[in-house]
Amino acid sequence: MLRKRIAFGLGALSLAAALVVAGINLFPVVSAQSATTPAPTPTNQAALLQNEQNTVDIVKTYGPSVVAINVTVQGQPVNPLQQQNVPPQFRQFIPQFTPQQPQVIQAAGSGFVIDPQGQIVTNYHVVKDALKQGTVDLLSGAKITVTFPNSQKELPAHVVGADPDYDLALIQLDNGAALPASAKAIPLADSAKIQVGQKVIAIGNPFGFQSTVTEGIVSAMGRELPSIGRVKIPMVQTDAAINPGNSGGPLIDSAGQVIGINTMIIPGMAAGGQAGNIGIGFAVPSDLIKKALPELRKGGLSGIYAQTLDIQNKPRIGVSVIGVDNFPSDVRSTLNMPSYGALVMQVAPGGPAAAAGLQGPAYQANVNGQNYPAGGDIILSADGTKINTVTDLQRVVLSKKAGDKVQLEVWRNGKTRNVTVTLEVVQQQSPTNGGTGSNGGAGNNGSNGSGSNGQ
């Protein structure tokens, strides 16, 4: 029996040898050294891929420039998510719980150094509740402090300027000399050149965990979402993990430039009920930051929202309007309406619009079981500016002074005409049909029939 077993083994070996000779290798050749010697351990530097090294370098260079912003009002940390005046679709990144770890510093948001003078950019909603209504002045008892990485020291700061339209604020350290030497100004990218799919890095303070770094890609561009100032912003969408506390922090590209400021998320819900990341975050593009910076540095509130805070005392056309974009496409088609413009809802008696012959809806048209205003004037352009949204009309009107003339292109029942109106201070109109009321031209586009704007 033993002889037969040996013969079988030798026979198999002989067959294998024959196949090798014929050019067929059944078994991989393993040297004695490779079988007994483990592969050499790579060095830390060699272990980093090029993309990893890029991220590490950017974090080392600009991580010290990303700060935690702490806001206190009447001795209590601010959580704007609890404020009813914030639009429900606007998800701010403010902690909604008290961290259990004693070493964690709870922060209201994030920000980043924008220039060597120690000025810091953040979101307006991060600091808004510490400010007096319509100003950038601190409320009595309110406090804003900034904490740099690797430090527990809270440095007092104040708001220089804010633009609610773009949800941006510029803050300054009370003591500019306290700016750490490692905190460099992070350059702003040209967001018009951003490509979907490119790498991005988010740095911030989610849930108070200071200097947290996450990485992802640009998921989409131009996602229009409303801001604090109720103006739609063409956001940068990203899947980089951003959470409550990241708000105001930078979204950085592989060149080490800010392509956007992290502002809002579509949140998932954690087991404890807190909003959290599900990979859909949005950032205000850097080109809007560049556009806003000159006015922010001048100080005070700026933008359309800021101008409309005193709409009663500003010259206007004397109409209340809603955007044609609020009408479903099938309704616009049925009523033969243009695809853009601002529909006149009310005309102030004795105002500039009334003198120029502008009219509101002549009747209510029933389309698919719902009533829609019809038969009135639609403003298509103002001084040559196409009116895609109500905000476009506001920008033109609010740039003028009493006595200035505005050239309007007006559509009514399929015909277009040119109308000249002379601006003057006009009493605010009363609530319009079916809406919750006029907001005095504060930038709301009247979405979902929520109201109209005074112009």
Protein backbone atom coordinates (compact mmCIF):
# COMPACT_ATOMS: atom_id res chain seq x y z
CA MET A 1 0.00 0.00 0.00
CA LEU A 2 2.82 2.36 0.87
CA ARG A 3 4.49 1.62 -2.45
CA LYS A 4 1.28 2.48 -4.34
CA ARG A 5 0.91 5.80 -2.50
CA ILE A 6 4.51 6.75 -3.34
CA ALA A 7 3.99 5.85 -6.95
CA PHE A 8 0.86 8.10 -7.14
CA GLY A 9 2.79 10.99 -5.71
CA LEU A 10 5.67 10.58 -8.05
CA GLY A 11 3.32 10.19 -10.96
CA ALA A 12 1.65 13.52 -10.22
CA LEU A 13 5.03 15.15 -9.92
CA SER A 14 6.11 13.67 -13.23
CA LEU A 15 2.94 15.02 -14.94
CA ALA A 16 3.58 18.45 -13.55
CA ALA A 17 7.15 18.35 -14.72
CA ALA A 18 6.00 17.37 -18.21
CA LEU A 19 3.52 20.29 -18.34
CA VAL A 20 6.23 22.73 -17.27
CA VAL A 21 8.44 21.50 -20.10
CA ALA A 22 5.52 22.00 -22.46
CA GLY A 23 5.24 25.65 -21.32
CA ILE A 24 2.31 25.23 -18.92
CA ASN A 25 3.15 26.23 -15.35
CA LEU A 26 0.50 24.93 -12.92
CA PHE A 27 2.08 26.36 -9.79
CA PRO A 28 3.43 29.84 -9.03
CA VAL A 29 7.15 29.94 -8.44
CA VAL A 30 7.80 31.06 -4.86
CA SER A 31 11.36 31.72 -3.83
CA ALA A 32 12.53 30.65 -0.43
CA GLN A 33 13.23 34.30 0.44
CA SER A 34 9.76 35.59 -0.49
CA ALA A 35 8.11 32.80 1.44
CA THR A 36 9.99 33.58 4.64
CA THR A 37 10.80 37.33 4.50
CA PRO A 38 7.97 39.87 5.04
CA ALA A 39 7.68 42.81 2.63
CA PRO A 40 9.53 45.91 3.80
CA THR A 41 7.42 48.36 5.83
CA PRO A 42 6.89 51.62 3.86
CA THR A 43 7.91 54.88 5.46
CA ASN A 44 5.20 57.32 6.53
CA GLN A 45 6.03 59.60 3.63
CA ALA A 46 5.95 56.78 1.09
CA ALA A 47 2.62 55.58 2.49
CA LEU A 48 0.86 58.83 1.54
CA LEU A 49 -0.69 58.95 -1.88
CA GLN A 50 -0.34 62.18 -3.83
CA ASN A 51 -3.93 63.13 -3.03
CA GLU A 52 -3.40 62.38 0.67
CA GLN A 53 -0.24 64.48 0.78
CA ASN A 54 -2.10 67.34 -0.87
CA THR A 55 -4.78 67.25 1.85
CA VAL A 56 -2.19 67.05 4.61
CA ASP A 57 -0.27 70.02 3.19
CA ILE A 58 -3.40 72.18 2.89
CA VAL A 59 -4.51 71.37 6.44
CA LYS A 60 -1.04 72.15 7.81
CA THR A 61 -0.94 75.46 5.94
CA TYR A 62 -4.47 76.74 6.48
CA GLY A 63 -5.87 74.71 9.39
CA PRO A 64 -4.53 77.33 11.86
CA SER A 65 -6.58 79.97 9.99
CA VAL A 66 -9.96 78.33 10.69
CA VAL A 67 -11.51 79.49 13.96
CA ALA A 68 -14.35 78.60 16.28
CA ILE A 69 -16.82 81.45 16.76
CA ASN A 70 -18.62 81.54 20.09
CA VAL A 71 -21.76 83.65 20.49
CA THR A 72 -23.39 84.39 23.82
CA VAL A 73 -26.55 86.42 24.46
CA GLN A 74 -27.65 87.14 28.04
CA GLY A 75 -25.18 84.54 29.27
CA GLN A 76 -26.63 81.75 27.09
CA PRO A 77 -24.95 80.13 24.04
CA VAL A 78 -26.88 81.01 20.90
CA ASN A 79 -28.70 78.35 18.88
CA PRO A 80 -30.47 80.06 15.94
CA LEU A 81 -32.14 76.76 14.96
CA GLN A 82 -34.55 77.44 17.81
CA GLN A 83 -35.56 80.82 16.38
CA GLN A 84 -38.87 80.86 14.54
CA ASN A 85 -37.81 83.64 12.17
CA VAL A 86 -35.40 81.32 10.35
CA PRO A 87 -36.86 79.77 7.16
CA PRO A 88 -37.51 76.05 7.81
CA GLN A 89 -35.51 74.97 4.76
CA PHE A 90 -32.46 76.82 6.04
CA ARG A 91 -30.44 74.34 8.08
CA GLN A 92 -27.84 76.17 10.10
CA PHE A 93 -24.80 74.44 11.51
CA ILE A 94 -25.28 75.28 15.16
CA PRO A 95 -24.78 72.65 17.89
CA GLN A 96 -28.05 71.33 19.25
CA PHE A 97 -26.66 69.44 22.19
CA THR A 98 -24.11 69.85 24.96
CA PRO A 99 -21.01 67.69 24.27
CA GLN A 100 -20.36 65.12 26.96
CA GLN A 101 -16.58 65.28 26.65
CA PRO A 102 -15.30 67.98 29.02
CA GLN A 103 -12.40 68.85 26.70
CA VAL A 104 -14.72 69.87 23.85
CA ILE A 105 -15.34 73.60 23.41
CA GLN A 106 -18.90 74.31 22.30
CA ALA A 107 -18.96 76.78 19.40
CA ALA A 108 -21.74 78.55 17.58
CA GLY A 109 -19.97 78.23 14.26
CA SER A 110 -16.78 78.56 12.30
CA GLY A 111 -14.92 81.22 10.35
CA PHE A 112 -11.63 81.76 8.55
CA VAL A 113 -9.00 84.49 8.31
CA ILE A 114 -9.44 86.52 5.14
CA ASP A 115 -6.62 89.08 5.44
CA PRO A 116 -3.43 89.80 7.41
CA GLN A 117 -5.25 92.38 9.54
CA GLY A 118 -7.08 89.57 11.34
CA GLN A 119 -10.46 90.00 9.72
CA ILE A 120 -12.52 86.81 9.65
CA VAL A 121 -15.35 85.75 7.35
CA THR A 122 -18.28 83.73 8.68
CA ASN A 123 -22.01 83.32 8.08
CA TYR A 124 -24.36 86.10 9.11
CA HIS A 125 -26.65 83.58 10.80
CA VAL A 126 -23.79 82.56 13.11
CA VAL A 127 -23.65 86.04 14.68
CA LYS A 128 -27.11 87.40 13.85
CA ASP A 129 -28.79 86.79 17.22
CA ALA A 130 -26.10 88.75 19.06
CA LEU A 131 -26.84 91.89 17.02
CA LYS A 132 -29.38 94.68 17.37
CA GLN A 133 -32.11 94.55 14.73
CA GLY A 134 -30.98 96.15 11.47
CA THR A 135 -27.43 96.85 12.69
CA VAL A 136 -24.10 95.16 13.36
CA ASP A 137 -24.00 96.49 16.93
CA LEU A 138 -23.95 93.99 19.78
CA LEU A 139 -26.99 93.64 21.97
CA SER A 140 -26.59 94.60 25.59
CA GLY A 141 -25.01 91.62 27.34
CA ALA A 142 -24.14 89.86 24.07
CA LYS A 143 -20.64 88.65 23.34
CA ILE A 144 -18.75 87.27 20.32
CA THR A 145 -15.42 85.55 20.81
CA VAL A 146 -13.01 83.70 18.53
CA THR A 147 -10.89 80.67 19.42
CA PHE A 148 -7.94 79.63 17.27
CA PRO A 149 -6.80 75.99 16.92
CA ASN A 150 -4.66 74.56 19.71
CA SER A 151 -5.84 77.26 22.07
CA GLN A 152 -8.51 77.51 24.74
CA LYS A 153 -8.36 81.31 24.83
CA GLU A 154 -11.49 83.12 23.66
CA LEU A 155 -10.53 86.38 21.96
CA PRO A 156 -13.17 89.15 21.94
CA ALA A 157 -14.35 90.20 18.49
CA HIS A 158 -16.97 92.42 16.87
CA VAL A 159 -18.90 92.44 13.60
CA VAL A 160 -17.60 94.96 11.07
CA GLY A 161 -20.20 94.38 8.34
CA ALA A 162 -22.80 91.87 7.26
CA ASP A 163 -24.70 91.00 4.08
CA PRO A 164 -27.84 88.97 4.90
CA ASP A 165 -28.53 88.48 1.16
CA TYR A 166 -25.50 86.20 0.90
CA ASP A 167 -25.52 85.18 4.59
CA LEU A 168 -22.06 86.66 5.11
CA ALA A 169 -20.48 88.57 7.98
CA LEU A 170 -17.04 90.07 8.51
CA ILE A 171 -15.72 90.10 12.06
CA GLN A 172 -12.59 91.65 13.52
CA LEU A 173 -10.58 90.77 16.59
CA ASP A 174 -10.82 93.57 19.13
CA ASN A 175 -7.07 93.22 19.52
CA GLY A 176 -5.58 92.67 16.06
CA ALA A 177 -2.20 91.90 17.62
CA ALA A 178 -3.69 88.73 19.11
CA LEU A 179 -3.80 87.11 15.66
CA PRO A 180 -1.48 84.05 15.82
CA ALA A 181 1.47 84.11 13.44
CA SER A 182 0.38 80.73 12.05
CA ALA A 183 -3.03 82.09 10.98
CA LYS A 184 -2.55 83.02 7.33
CA ALA A 185 -5.17 84.61 5.12
CA ILE A 186 -6.78 81.91 2.96
CA PRO A 187 -7.04 83.04 -0.69
CA LEU A 188 -10.39 83.02 -2.51
CA ALA A 189 -10.75 80.92 -5.67
CA ASP A 190 -12.58 81.81 -8.86
CA SER A 191 -15.76 79.85 -8.23
CA ALA A 192 -16.81 80.26 -11.89
CA LYS A 193 -14.09 77.74 -12.73
CA ILE A 194 -15.23 75.09 -10.26
CA GLN A 195 -15.87 71.69 -11.85
CA VAL A 196 -18.30 69.08 -10.63
CA GLY A 197 -16.27 66.14 -9.36
CA GLN A 198 -13.23 68.06 -8.15
CA LYS A 199 -11.89 67.47 -4.65
CA VAL A 200 -12.83 69.73 -1.75
CA ILE A 201 -11.76 69.92 1.89
CA ALA A 202 -13.99 71.25 4.67
CA ILE A 203 -12.50 72.52 7.93
CA GLY A 204 -14.63 73.60 10.87
CA ASN A 205 -15.99 72.87 14.31
CA PRO A 206 -18.90 70.40 13.93
CA PHE A 207 -20.71 69.85 17.24
CA GLY A 208 -17.92 71.82 18.91
CA PHE A 209 -15.13 69.42 17.84
CA GLN A 210 -12.54 72.01 16.94
CA SER A 211 -10.49 71.83 13.71
CA THR A 212 -12.30 68.86 12.20
CA VAL A 213 -11.26 68.06 8.62
CA THR A 214 -13.40 66.22 6.08
CA GLU A 215 -12.97 65.60 2.38
CA GLY A 216 -15.31 65.10 -0.57
CA ILE A 217 -16.11 66.39 -4.01
CA VAL A 218 -18.17 69.11 -5.62
CA SER A 219 -21.47 67.33 -6.20
CA ALA A 220 -23.22 70.07 -8.19
CA MET A 221 -23.11 73.78 -8.98
CA GLY A 222 -25.77 76.46 -8.99
CA ARG A 223 -28.23 74.87 -6.56
CA GLU A 224 -30.51 77.83 -5.87
CA LEU A 225 -31.50 78.01 -2.21
CA PRO A 226 -32.82 80.93 -0.12
CA SER A 227 -30.53 82.79 2.25
CA ILE A 228 -31.22 84.63 5.49
CA GLY A 229 -31.98 87.67 3.33
CA ARG A 230 -34.50 85.54 1.40
CA VAL A 231 -32.52 85.94 -1.81
CA LYS A 232 -31.82 82.77 -3.75
CA ILE A 233 -28.11 81.92 -3.93
CA PRO A 234 -26.54 79.61 -6.54
CA MET A 235 -24.86 77.31 -4.01
CA VAL A 236 -21.97 74.88 -4.38
CA GLN A 237 -23.19 71.41 -3.38
CA THR A 238 -20.75 68.98 -1.77
CA ASP A 239 -20.73 65.54 -0.20
CA ALA A 240 -17.93 66.47 2.21
CA ALA A 241 -19.20 65.76 5.73
CA ILE A 242 -20.38 69.03 7.25
CA ASN A 243 -22.52 69.23 10.37
CA PRO A 244 -23.87 71.74 12.90
CA GLY A 245 -20.90 73.91 13.86
CA ASN A 246 -19.28 73.88 10.39
CA SER A 247 -21.29 76.93 9.38
CA GLY A 248 -19.01 79.76 8.29
CA GLY A 249 -16.02 77.49 7.72
CA PRO A 250 -14.17 77.24 4.41
CA LEU A 251 -14.62 74.73 1.60
CA ILE A 252 -11.14 74.52 0.08
CA ASP A 253 -9.95 73.11 -3.26
CA SER A 254 -6.75 71.17 -3.95
CA ALA A 255 -4.95 74.43 -4.76
CA GLY A 256 -5.53 75.62 -1.20
CA GLN A 257 -8.11 78.25 -2.15
CA VAL A 258 -11.59 78.82 -0.72
CA ILE A 259 -14.28 77.94 -3.26
CA GLY A 260 -17.13 78.53 -0.82
CA ILE A 261 -18.24 79.09 2.76
CA ASN A 262 -20.15 76.17 4.28
CA THR A 263 -23.65 77.41 5.05
CA MET A 264 -26.42 74.82 5.15
CA ILE A 265 -27.22 71.12 4.92
CA ILE A 266 -30.11 68.84 4.20
CA PRO A 267 -29.85 66.96 7.48
CA GLY A 268 -30.43 63.42 8.58
CA MET A 269 -31.46 62.80 12.16
CA ALA A 270 -29.22 61.10 14.68
CA ALA A 271 -30.56 58.74 17.34
CA GLY A 272 -30.72 61.59 19.85
CA GLY A 273 -32.75 63.75 17.46
CA GLN A 274 -29.93 66.07 16.34
CA ALA A 275 -29.49 67.10 12.72
CA GLY A 276 -26.49 65.48 11.06
CA ASN A 277 -24.70 64.98 7.78
CA ILE A 278 -26.09 62.76 5.02
CA GLY A 279 -23.72 63.97 2.32
CA ILE A 280 -25.75 66.92 0.99
CA GLY A 281 -24.21 70.22 2.03
CA PHE A 282 -24.16 73.67 0.47
CA ALA A 283 -21.66 76.52 0.38
CA VAL A 284 -21.95 80.15 -0.70
CA PRO A 285 -19.58 80.41 -3.72
CA SER A 286 -16.37 82.41 -3.33
CA ASP A 287 -17.27 84.84 -6.13
CA LEU A 288 -20.16 86.11 -3.98
CA ILE A 289 -17.76 86.53 -1.05
CA LYS A 290 -15.49 88.61 -3.29
CA LYS A 291 -18.46 90.65 -4.45
CA ALA A 292 -19.63 91.34 -0.90
CA LEU A 293 -16.26 92.07 0.73
CA PRO A 294 -15.90 95.76 -0.27
CA GLU A 295 -19.25 96.63 1.33
CA LEU A 296 -18.56 94.40 4.34
CA ARG A 297 -15.34 96.30 4.98
CA LYS A 298 -17.17 99.63 4.81
CA GLY A 299 -19.19 98.47 7.79
CA GLY A 300 -22.86 98.06 8.67
CA LEU A 301 -25.52 96.00 6.91
CA SER A 302 -25.42 95.84 3.13
CA GLY A 303 -27.41 94.27 0.31
CA ILE A 304 -31.04 94.28 -0.75
CA TYR A 305 -32.35 93.01 2.59
CA ALA A 306 -30.55 95.78 4.46
CA GLN A 307 -31.97 98.46 2.17
CA THR A 308 -35.52 97.20 2.54
CA LEU A 309 -35.44 97.41 6.34
CA ASP A 310 -36.42 101.06 5.90
CA ILE A 311 -38.58 100.57 2.82
CA GLN A 312 -41.25 102.96 4.12
CA ASN A 313 -38.87 105.88 3.77
CA LYS A 314 -37.34 104.91 0.43
CA PRO A 315 -38.55 105.97 -3.02
CA ARG A 316 -40.53 103.28 -4.80
CA ILE A 317 -42.65 102.60 -7.88
CA GLY A 318 -45.74 102.09 -5.75
CA VAL A 319 -46.67 98.48 -6.52
CA SER A 320 -46.72 95.11 -4.81
CA VAL A 321 -45.48 92.28 -7.01
CA ILE A 322 -44.76 88.54 -7.08
CA GLY A 323 -42.40 86.70 -9.39
CA VAL A 324 -43.80 84.99 -12.47
CA ASP A 325 -41.49 82.11 -11.57
CA ASN A 326 -43.96 81.25 -8.79
CA PHE A 327 -46.57 80.19 -11.32
CA PRO A 328 -46.35 76.55 -12.52
CA SER A 329 -45.28 76.24 -16.15
CA ASP A 330 -48.64 74.78 -17.19
CA VAL A 331 -50.44 77.77 -15.63
CA ARG A 332 -48.17 80.21 -17.46
CA SER A 333 -48.85 78.35 -20.68
CA THR A 334 -52.63 78.31 -20.15
CA LEU A 335 -52.71 82.04 -19.36
CA ASN A 336 -50.26 82.83 -22.17
CA MET A 337 -47.94 84.51 -19.65
CA PRO A 338 -44.26 85.26 -20.29
CA SER A 339 -41.72 82.93 -18.67
CA TYR A 340 -40.17 85.68 -16.55
CA GLY A 341 -41.04 89.00 -14.95
CA ALA A 342 -42.78 90.46 -11.89
CA LEU A 343 -46.57 90.34 -11.79
CA VAL A 344 -48.18 93.51 -10.43
CA MET A 345 -50.58 92.53 -7.63
CA GLN A 346 -51.55 95.95 -6.25
CA VAL A 347 -51.02 99.56 -7.29
CA ALA A 348 -50.82 102.32 -4.66
CA PRO A 349 -53.45 104.99 -5.34
CA GLY A 350 -51.84 108.25 -6.43
CA GLY A 351 -48.36 106.70 -6.69
CA PRO A 352 -45.91 106.69 -9.61
CA ALA A 353 -47.20 103.37 -10.97
CA ALA A 354 -50.81 104.59 -10.90
CA ALA A 355 -49.81 107.76 -12.74
CA ALA A 356 -48.05 105.66 -15.39
CA GLY A 357 -51.14 103.48 -15.89
CA LEU A 358 -49.91 100.21 -14.35
CA GLN A 359 -52.68 97.84 -13.30
CA GLY A 360 -53.06 94.82 -11.07
CA PRO A 361 -54.96 91.60 -11.96
CA ALA A 362 -58.27 92.10 -13.74
CA TYR A 363 -59.70 88.73 -12.71
CA GLN A 364 -58.96 85.32 -11.17
CA ALA A 365 -58.40 82.46 -13.62
CA ASN A 366 -59.19 78.91 -12.51
CA VAL A 367 -56.54 76.47 -13.73
CA ASN A 368 -56.54 72.85 -12.55
CA GLY A 369 -58.95 73.77 -9.77
CA GLN A 370 -56.91 76.67 -8.39
CA ASN A 371 -57.37 80.39 -8.84
CA TYR A 372 -54.56 82.54 -10.21
CA PRO A 373 -54.41 86.33 -10.72
CA ALA A 374 -54.59 87.21 -14.41
CA GLY A 375 -55.17 90.06 -16.82
CA GLY A 376 -52.79 92.51 -15.12
CA ASP A 377 -49.37 93.96 -15.90
CA ILE A 378 -46.11 92.02 -15.76
CA ILE A 379 -42.87 94.03 -15.52
CA LEU A 380 -40.33 92.38 -17.85
CA SER A 381 -37.39 94.75 -17.45
CA ALA A 382 -36.32 97.89 -15.61
CA ASP A 383 -33.75 100.26 -17.10
CA GLY A 384 -32.77 97.43 -19.44
CA THR A 385 -32.31 94.86 -16.66
CA LYS A 386 -34.25 91.66 -17.28
CA ILE A 387 -36.51 90.85 -14.32
CA ASN A 388 -36.00 87.13 -13.70
CA THR A 389 -36.96 87.45 -10.03
CA VAL A 390 -38.46 90.12 -7.79
CA THR A 391 -34.97 90.76 -6.42
CA ASP A 392 -33.84 91.99 -9.85
CA LEU A 393 -36.50 94.69 -9.75
CA GLN A 394 -35.61 95.58 -6.18
CA ARG A 395 -31.95 96.10 -7.08
CA VAL A 396 -32.84 98.60 -9.79
CA VAL A 397 -35.38 100.52 -7.70
CA LEU A 398 -33.31 100.63 -4.50
CA SER A 399 -30.30 101.98 -6.37
CA LYS A 400 -32.28 105.15 -7.17
CA LYS A 401 -33.32 108.24 -5.23
CA ALA A 402 -36.58 110.17 -5.12
CA GLY A 403 -37.21 111.95 -8.40
CA ASP A 404 -35.25 109.48 -10.53
CA LYS A 405 -36.99 107.99 -13.55
CA VAL A 406 -37.11 104.25 -14.30
CA GLN A 407 -37.89 102.83 -17.73
CA LEU A 408 -40.11 99.75 -17.48
CA GLU A 409 -40.96 97.21 -20.16
CA VAL A 410 -44.47 96.02 -19.30
CA TRP A 411 -46.50 93.09 -20.68
CA ARG A 412 -50.29 92.89 -20.60
CA ASN A 413 -52.51 90.37 -22.39
CA GLY A 414 -49.89 89.49 -24.97
CA LYS A 415 -48.79 93.05 -25.78
CA THR A 416 -45.64 94.85 -24.59
CA ARG A 417 -45.23 98.57 -23.99
CA ASN A 418 -42.65 100.92 -22.45
CA VAL A 419 -43.56 102.89 -19.35
CA THR A 420 -41.64 105.65 -17.55
CA VAL A 421 -42.19 106.09 -13.80
CA THR A 422 -40.78 108.76 -11.52
CA LEU A 423 -39.86 107.34 -8.10
CA GLU A 424 -41.20 108.81 -4.89
CA VAL A 425 -41.80 107.73 -1.31
CA VAL A 426 -45.04 105.73 -1.31
CA GLN A 427 -46.99 104.30 1.61
CA GLN A 428 -46.60 100.52 1.98
CA GLN A 429 -49.41 98.42 0.53
CA SER A 430 -51.70 96.14 2.55
CA PRO A 431 -51.57 92.30 2.30
CA THR A 432 -52.34 90.89 -1.14
CA ASN A 433 -54.75 88.25 -2.36
CA GLY A 434 -54.22 84.91 -0.70
CA GLY A 435 -50.82 85.77 0.75
CA THR A 436 -49.58 86.16 4.28
CA GLY A 437 -48.81 89.81 3.67
CA SER A 438 -46.35 92.17 2.06
CA ASN A 439 -42.85 92.01 3.42
CA GLY A 440 -41.90 95.50 2.33
CA GLY A 441 -39.60 94.28 -0.42
CA ALA A 442 -37.30 92.35 1.87
CA GLY A 443 -36.10 90.02 -0.83
CA ASN A 444 -38.69 87.23 -0.69
CA ASN A 445 -39.72 86.05 -4.13
CA GLY A 446 -43.17 85.15 -2.95
CA SER A 447 -42.53 81.44 -3.36
CA ASN A 448 -45.55 79.18 -2.95
CA GLY A 449 -47.87 82.15 -2.75
CA SER A 450 -46.46 83.33 0.54
CA GLY A 451 -46.92 87.02 -0.22
CA SER A 452 -45.71 89.88 -2.38
CA ASN A 453 -43.09 92.59 -2.33
CA GLY A 454 -43.51 96.35 -2.13
CA GLN A 455 -41.62 98.15 -4.89
